[in-house]
Amino acid sequence: MEYIILITGLALILMGLYGIMYIKNIFRIVIAFALFDTGINIVMVTIGYLRNGMAPILDKMPTEGTTPAIVDPVPQALVLTSIVIGLGVSALMLTYVLKLYEDKKSLDINSFKDLKW
């Protein structure tokens, strides 16, 4: 099961990279960034997963000689932080897309040559 989720995350990363590099519509590039971010989050959570592991909340101290398999909480915390940051970055990029469309009446990246050499 973990391999299916890992492959799904890697596929989302590859789709996002393809969209970032080859699509010329700015709105679709923002969506590709979101796909890429989601794929990275899925891969991070999958790597931190431990089959038959316990939640990192302990009611009592384990006895000597028995160490329970505890899932690492750090990747989960990093992914939660990444989700919040990704949401803010996506909102900012969509605001820029809206302002660019209002100015140029186009979302084609080739029509924006103001800052090119």
N, C-alpha and C. Protein backbone atom coordinates (compact mmCIF):
# COMPACT_ATOMS: atom_id res chain seq x y z
N MET A 1 0.83 -1.19 0.00
CA MET A 1 0.00 0.00 0.00
C MET A 1 0.87 1.26 0.00
N GLU A 2 1.98 1.21 0.76
CA GLU A 2 2.84 2.40 0.82
C GLU A 2 3.44 2.71 -0.54
N TYR A 3 3.73 1.67 -1.31
CA TYR A 3 4.34 1.89 -2.62
C TYR A 3 3.38 2.59 -3.58
N ILE A 4 2.10 2.27 -3.49
CA ILE A 4 1.11 2.92 -4.35
C ILE A 4 1.03 4.41 -4.02
N ILE A 5 1.04 4.73 -2.74
CA ILE A 5 0.98 6.13 -2.33
C ILE A 5 2.26 6.86 -2.73
N LEU A 6 3.41 6.19 -2.58
CA LEU A 6 4.67 6.80 -2.96
C LEU A 6 4.73 7.05 -4.46
N ILE A 7 4.28 6.09 -5.25
CA ILE A 7 4.26 6.26 -6.71
C ILE A 7 3.30 7.38 -7.11
N THR A 8 2.17 7.48 -6.42
CA THR A 8 1.23 8.57 -6.68
C THR A 8 1.87 9.92 -6.40
N GLY A 9 2.57 10.03 -5.29
CA GLY A 9 3.27 11.28 -4.97
C GLY A 9 4.33 11.63 -5.99
N LEU A 10 5.11 10.63 -6.42
CA LEU A 10 6.13 10.87 -7.43
C LEU A 10 5.51 11.26 -8.77
N ALA A 11 4.36 10.65 -9.11
CA ALA A 11 3.67 11.02 -10.35
C ALA A 11 3.18 12.46 -10.29
N LEU A 12 2.67 12.89 -9.14
CA LEU A 12 2.24 14.28 -8.99
C LEU A 12 3.42 15.24 -9.11
N ILE A 13 4.56 14.85 -8.56
CA ILE A 13 5.75 15.68 -8.68
C ILE A 13 6.15 15.83 -10.15
N LEU A 14 6.15 14.72 -10.88
CA LEU A 14 6.54 14.77 -12.30
C LEU A 14 5.54 15.57 -13.13
N MET A 15 4.23 15.41 -12.85
CA MET A 15 3.24 16.20 -13.57
C MET A 15 3.41 17.69 -13.28
N GLY A 16 3.71 18.03 -12.02
CA GLY A 16 3.94 19.42 -11.67
C GLY A 16 5.17 20.00 -12.36
N LEU A 17 6.25 19.21 -12.40
CA LEU A 17 7.46 19.68 -13.09
C LEU A 17 7.21 19.88 -14.58
N TYR A 18 6.48 18.95 -15.19
CA TYR A 18 6.15 19.11 -16.60
C TYR A 18 5.35 20.39 -16.84
N GLY A 19 4.37 20.63 -15.98
CA GLY A 19 3.55 21.83 -16.13
C GLY A 19 4.34 23.11 -15.92
N ILE A 20 5.26 23.09 -14.98
CA ILE A 20 6.06 24.28 -14.71
C ILE A 20 6.98 24.59 -15.89
N MET A 21 7.52 23.56 -16.50
CA MET A 21 8.54 23.77 -17.53
C MET A 21 7.98 23.96 -18.94
N TYR A 22 6.86 23.34 -19.26
CA TYR A 22 6.43 23.31 -20.66
C TYR A 22 5.12 24.02 -20.96
N ILE A 23 4.32 24.33 -19.96
CA ILE A 23 3.04 25.00 -20.21
C ILE A 23 3.26 26.50 -20.26
N LYS A 24 2.59 27.16 -21.18
CA LYS A 24 2.78 28.60 -21.40
C LYS A 24 1.70 29.47 -20.74
N ASN A 25 0.64 28.87 -20.21
CA ASN A 25 -0.43 29.61 -19.56
C ASN A 25 -0.05 29.81 -18.08
N ILE A 26 -0.05 31.04 -17.62
CA ILE A 26 0.42 31.35 -16.28
C ILE A 26 -0.48 30.72 -15.22
N PHE A 27 -1.78 30.72 -15.44
CA PHE A 27 -2.70 30.11 -14.47
C PHE A 27 -2.42 28.62 -14.33
N ARG A 28 -2.16 27.95 -15.44
CA ARG A 28 -1.85 26.52 -15.39
C ARG A 28 -0.50 26.26 -14.74
N ILE A 29 0.42 27.20 -14.85
CA ILE A 29 1.70 27.06 -14.16
C ILE A 29 1.50 27.11 -12.65
N VAL A 30 0.60 27.97 -12.18
CA VAL A 30 0.30 28.04 -10.75
C VAL A 30 -0.32 26.72 -10.28
N ILE A 31 -1.21 26.15 -11.08
CA ILE A 31 -1.80 24.85 -10.74
C ILE A 31 -0.72 23.77 -10.72
N ALA A 32 0.25 23.85 -11.64
CA ALA A 32 1.34 22.89 -11.66
C ALA A 32 2.20 23.02 -10.40
N PHE A 33 2.43 24.24 -9.93
CA PHE A 33 3.14 24.42 -8.67
C PHE A 33 2.39 23.76 -7.51
N ALA A 34 1.08 23.89 -7.49
CA ALA A 34 0.29 23.27 -6.44
C ALA A 34 0.37 21.75 -6.52
N LEU A 35 0.35 21.19 -7.74
CA LEU A 35 0.51 19.75 -7.90
C LEU A 35 1.88 19.29 -7.40
N PHE A 36 2.90 20.03 -7.75
CA PHE A 36 4.25 19.70 -7.31
C PHE A 36 4.34 19.72 -5.79
N ASP A 37 3.78 20.73 -5.16
CA ASP A 37 3.79 20.86 -3.71
C ASP A 37 3.03 19.71 -3.05
N THR A 38 1.89 19.35 -3.60
CA THR A 38 1.11 18.25 -3.06
C THR A 38 1.85 16.92 -3.18
N GLY A 39 2.53 16.72 -4.31
CA GLY A 39 3.31 15.50 -4.49
C GLY A 39 4.44 15.39 -3.48
N ILE A 40 5.12 16.49 -3.22
CA ILE A 40 6.20 16.48 -2.24
C ILE A 40 5.65 16.17 -0.84
N ASN A 41 4.50 16.74 -0.51
CA ASN A 41 3.89 16.46 0.80
C ASN A 41 3.53 14.98 0.94
N ILE A 42 2.97 14.40 -0.11
CA ILE A 42 2.59 12.98 -0.07
C ILE A 42 3.83 12.11 0.10
N VAL A 43 4.90 12.43 -0.62
CA VAL A 43 6.13 11.64 -0.51
C VAL A 43 6.72 11.76 0.89
N MET A 44 6.71 12.94 1.47
CA MET A 44 7.26 13.13 2.81
C MET A 44 6.48 12.34 3.86
N VAL A 45 5.16 12.37 3.77
CA VAL A 45 4.35 11.62 4.74
C VAL A 45 4.55 10.12 4.55
N THR A 46 4.67 9.67 3.30
CA THR A 46 4.85 8.25 3.03
C THR A 46 6.20 7.76 3.55
N ILE A 47 7.23 8.57 3.40
CA ILE A 47 8.55 8.17 3.90
C ILE A 47 8.54 8.09 5.42
N GLY A 48 7.82 8.96 6.08
CA GLY A 48 7.76 8.95 7.54
C GLY A 48 6.83 7.92 8.12
N TYR A 49 6.09 7.18 7.27
CA TYR A 49 5.12 6.19 7.75
C TYR A 49 5.83 4.93 8.20
N LEU A 50 5.31 4.30 9.23
CA LEU A 50 5.84 3.04 9.74
C LEU A 50 4.67 2.08 9.90
N ARG A 51 4.73 0.95 9.20
CA ARG A 51 3.65 -0.03 9.25
C ARG A 51 3.48 -0.57 10.67
N ASN A 52 2.25 -0.64 11.12
CA ASN A 52 1.90 -1.10 12.47
C ASN A 52 2.55 -0.24 13.55
N GLY A 53 2.78 1.01 13.25
CA GLY A 53 3.40 1.90 14.23
C GLY A 53 2.36 2.58 15.10
N MET A 54 2.80 2.97 16.27
CA MET A 54 1.92 3.69 17.20
C MET A 54 2.01 5.18 16.96
N ALA A 55 1.00 5.87 17.39
CA ALA A 55 1.04 7.34 17.36
C ALA A 55 2.10 7.80 18.35
N PRO A 56 2.74 8.93 18.11
CA PRO A 56 3.82 9.38 19.01
C PRO A 56 3.31 9.98 20.31
N ILE A 57 2.16 9.50 20.78
CA ILE A 57 1.60 9.95 22.05
C ILE A 57 1.65 8.77 23.01
N LEU A 58 2.41 8.88 24.06
CA LEU A 58 2.57 7.78 25.01
C LEU A 58 1.83 8.11 26.30
N ASP A 59 1.00 7.17 26.74
CA ASP A 59 0.29 7.34 28.00
C ASP A 59 1.19 7.04 29.18
N LYS A 60 2.05 6.06 29.02
CA LYS A 60 2.98 5.69 30.09
C LYS A 60 4.31 5.34 29.45
N MET A 61 5.32 5.33 30.26
CA MET A 61 6.66 5.01 29.77
C MET A 61 6.74 3.52 29.46
N PRO A 62 7.34 3.15 28.32
CA PRO A 62 7.48 1.73 28.01
C PRO A 62 8.46 1.06 28.96
N THR A 63 8.21 -0.21 29.26
CA THR A 63 9.09 -0.95 30.16
C THR A 63 10.40 -1.26 29.45
N GLU A 64 11.40 -1.61 30.23
CA GLU A 64 12.71 -1.91 29.64
C GLU A 64 12.63 -3.16 28.79
N GLY A 65 13.32 -3.14 27.68
CA GLY A 65 13.34 -4.28 26.78
C GLY A 65 12.25 -4.26 25.72
N THR A 66 11.24 -3.43 25.92
CA THR A 66 10.18 -3.32 24.91
C THR A 66 10.16 -1.89 24.39
N THR A 67 10.51 -1.73 23.16
CA THR A 67 10.43 -0.42 22.53
C THR A 67 9.37 -0.49 21.45
N PRO A 68 8.28 0.21 21.64
CA PRO A 68 7.22 0.16 20.63
C PRO A 68 7.65 0.88 19.36
N ALA A 69 7.10 0.43 18.25
CA ALA A 69 7.36 1.08 16.96
C ALA A 69 6.52 2.35 16.90
N ILE A 70 7.19 3.47 17.02
CA ILE A 70 6.50 4.76 17.05
C ILE A 70 6.75 5.49 15.73
N VAL A 71 5.70 6.01 15.17
CA VAL A 71 5.80 6.77 13.92
C VAL A 71 6.48 8.10 14.22
N ASP A 72 7.41 8.49 13.35
CA ASP A 72 8.14 9.74 13.52
C ASP A 72 7.21 10.92 13.27
N PRO A 73 7.04 11.82 14.25
CA PRO A 73 6.12 12.95 14.06
C PRO A 73 6.71 14.12 13.27
N VAL A 74 8.03 14.13 13.06
CA VAL A 74 8.66 15.28 12.40
C VAL A 74 8.18 15.45 10.95
N PRO A 75 8.13 14.38 10.11
CA PRO A 75 7.63 14.61 8.74
C PRO A 75 6.19 15.11 8.72
N GLN A 76 5.37 14.64 9.64
CA GLN A 76 3.99 15.10 9.68
C GLN A 76 3.92 16.58 10.04
N ALA A 77 4.75 17.01 10.97
CA ALA A 77 4.76 18.43 11.35
C ALA A 77 5.29 19.28 10.20
N LEU A 78 6.31 18.79 9.50
CA LEU A 78 6.84 19.53 8.36
C LEU A 78 5.81 19.66 7.24
N VAL A 79 5.04 18.59 7.01
CA VAL A 79 4.03 18.63 5.97
C VAL A 79 2.89 19.58 6.34
N LEU A 80 2.49 19.60 7.60
CA LEU A 80 1.46 20.55 8.02
C LEU A 80 1.93 21.99 7.81
N THR A 81 3.18 22.26 8.14
CA THR A 81 3.73 23.60 7.91
C THR A 81 3.80 23.89 6.42
N SER A 82 4.20 22.90 5.62
CA SER A 82 4.30 23.08 4.17
C SER A 82 2.94 23.34 3.54
N ILE A 83 1.90 22.71 4.05
CA ILE A 83 0.55 22.93 3.52
C ILE A 83 0.14 24.39 3.72
N VAL A 84 0.40 24.91 4.92
CA VAL A 84 0.02 26.30 5.21
C VAL A 84 0.82 27.27 4.34
N ILE A 85 2.12 27.03 4.22
CA ILE A 85 2.96 27.91 3.40
C ILE A 85 2.57 27.79 1.93
N GLY A 86 2.30 26.58 1.46
CA GLY A 86 1.89 26.38 0.07
C GLY A 86 0.58 27.09 -0.25
N LEU A 87 -0.34 27.09 0.70
CA LEU A 87 -1.60 27.79 0.49
C LEU A 87 -1.37 29.29 0.35
N GLY A 88 -0.50 29.84 1.19
CA GLY A 88 -0.21 31.27 1.10
C GLY A 88 0.49 31.64 -0.19
N VAL A 89 1.45 30.80 -0.61
CA VAL A 89 2.17 31.07 -1.85
C VAL A 89 1.24 30.95 -3.05
N SER A 90 0.35 29.96 -3.04
CA SER A 90 -0.61 29.80 -4.14
C SER A 90 -1.55 30.99 -4.22
N ALA A 91 -2.02 31.47 -3.08
CA ALA A 91 -2.90 32.64 -3.09
C ALA A 91 -2.17 33.86 -3.63
N LEU A 92 -0.90 34.03 -3.24
CA LEU A 92 -0.13 35.17 -3.75
C LEU A 92 0.10 35.06 -5.25
N MET A 93 0.43 33.85 -5.73
CA MET A 93 0.64 33.67 -7.17
C MET A 93 -0.65 33.92 -7.95
N LEU A 94 -1.78 33.46 -7.42
CA LEU A 94 -3.05 33.70 -8.12
C LEU A 94 -3.40 35.18 -8.14
N THR A 95 -3.03 35.91 -7.09
CA THR A 95 -3.25 37.35 -7.09
C THR A 95 -2.40 38.02 -8.17
N TYR A 96 -1.16 37.58 -8.30
CA TYR A 96 -0.31 38.11 -9.38
C TYR A 96 -0.87 37.79 -10.75
N VAL A 97 -1.39 36.58 -10.92
CA VAL A 97 -1.98 36.19 -12.21
C VAL A 97 -3.17 37.10 -12.53
N LEU A 98 -3.99 37.37 -11.53
CA LEU A 98 -5.15 38.25 -11.74
C LEU A 98 -4.70 39.65 -12.14
N LYS A 99 -3.69 40.19 -11.46
CA LYS A 99 -3.20 41.53 -11.80
C LYS A 99 -2.55 41.55 -13.18
N LEU A 100 -1.81 40.50 -13.53
CA LEU A 100 -1.21 40.44 -14.86
C LEU A 100 -2.27 40.37 -15.95
N TYR A 101 -3.34 39.64 -15.69
CA TYR A 101 -4.41 39.54 -16.68
C TYR A 101 -5.13 40.87 -16.83
N GLU A 102 -5.32 41.59 -15.73
CA GLU A 102 -5.97 42.90 -15.82
C GLU A 102 -5.11 43.88 -16.61
N ASP A 103 -3.78 43.79 -16.50
CA ASP A 103 -2.90 44.72 -17.21
C ASP A 103 -2.74 44.36 -18.69
N LYS A 104 -2.49 43.10 -18.99
CA LYS A 104 -2.15 42.68 -20.36
C LYS A 104 -3.28 42.00 -21.12
N LYS A 105 -4.34 41.62 -20.44
CA LYS A 105 -5.47 40.91 -21.05
C LYS A 105 -5.02 39.60 -21.71
N SER A 106 -4.01 38.99 -21.15
CA SER A 106 -3.50 37.73 -21.68
C SER A 106 -2.84 36.94 -20.54
N LEU A 107 -2.90 35.61 -20.64
CA LEU A 107 -2.22 34.76 -19.68
C LEU A 107 -1.09 33.97 -20.32
N ASP A 108 -0.78 34.27 -21.59
CA ASP A 108 0.31 33.59 -22.27
C ASP A 108 1.63 34.18 -21.79
N ILE A 109 2.53 33.31 -21.35
CA ILE A 109 3.78 33.80 -20.76
C ILE A 109 4.67 34.48 -21.79
N ASN A 110 4.49 34.17 -23.06
CA ASN A 110 5.31 34.81 -24.09
C ASN A 110 4.90 36.26 -24.36
N SER A 111 3.73 36.68 -23.92
CA SER A 111 3.30 38.04 -24.16
C SER A 111 3.84 39.02 -23.11
N PHE A 112 4.55 38.50 -22.10
CA PHE A 112 5.13 39.34 -21.06
C PHE A 112 6.63 39.46 -21.32
N LYS A 113 7.03 40.53 -22.00
CA LYS A 113 8.43 40.72 -22.35
C LYS A 113 9.00 42.00 -21.76
N ASP A 114 8.36 42.54 -20.77
CA ASP A 114 8.78 43.82 -20.21
C ASP A 114 10.14 43.72 -19.53
N LEU A 115 10.42 42.65 -18.83
CA LEU A 115 11.65 42.54 -18.06
C LEU A 115 12.65 41.59 -18.70
N LYS A 116 12.42 41.18 -19.93
CA LYS A 116 13.37 40.29 -20.59
C LYS A 116 14.47 41.11 -21.24
N TRP A 117 15.66 40.50 -21.43
CA TRP A 117 16.79 41.20 -22.04
C TRP A 117 16.59 41.39 -23.49
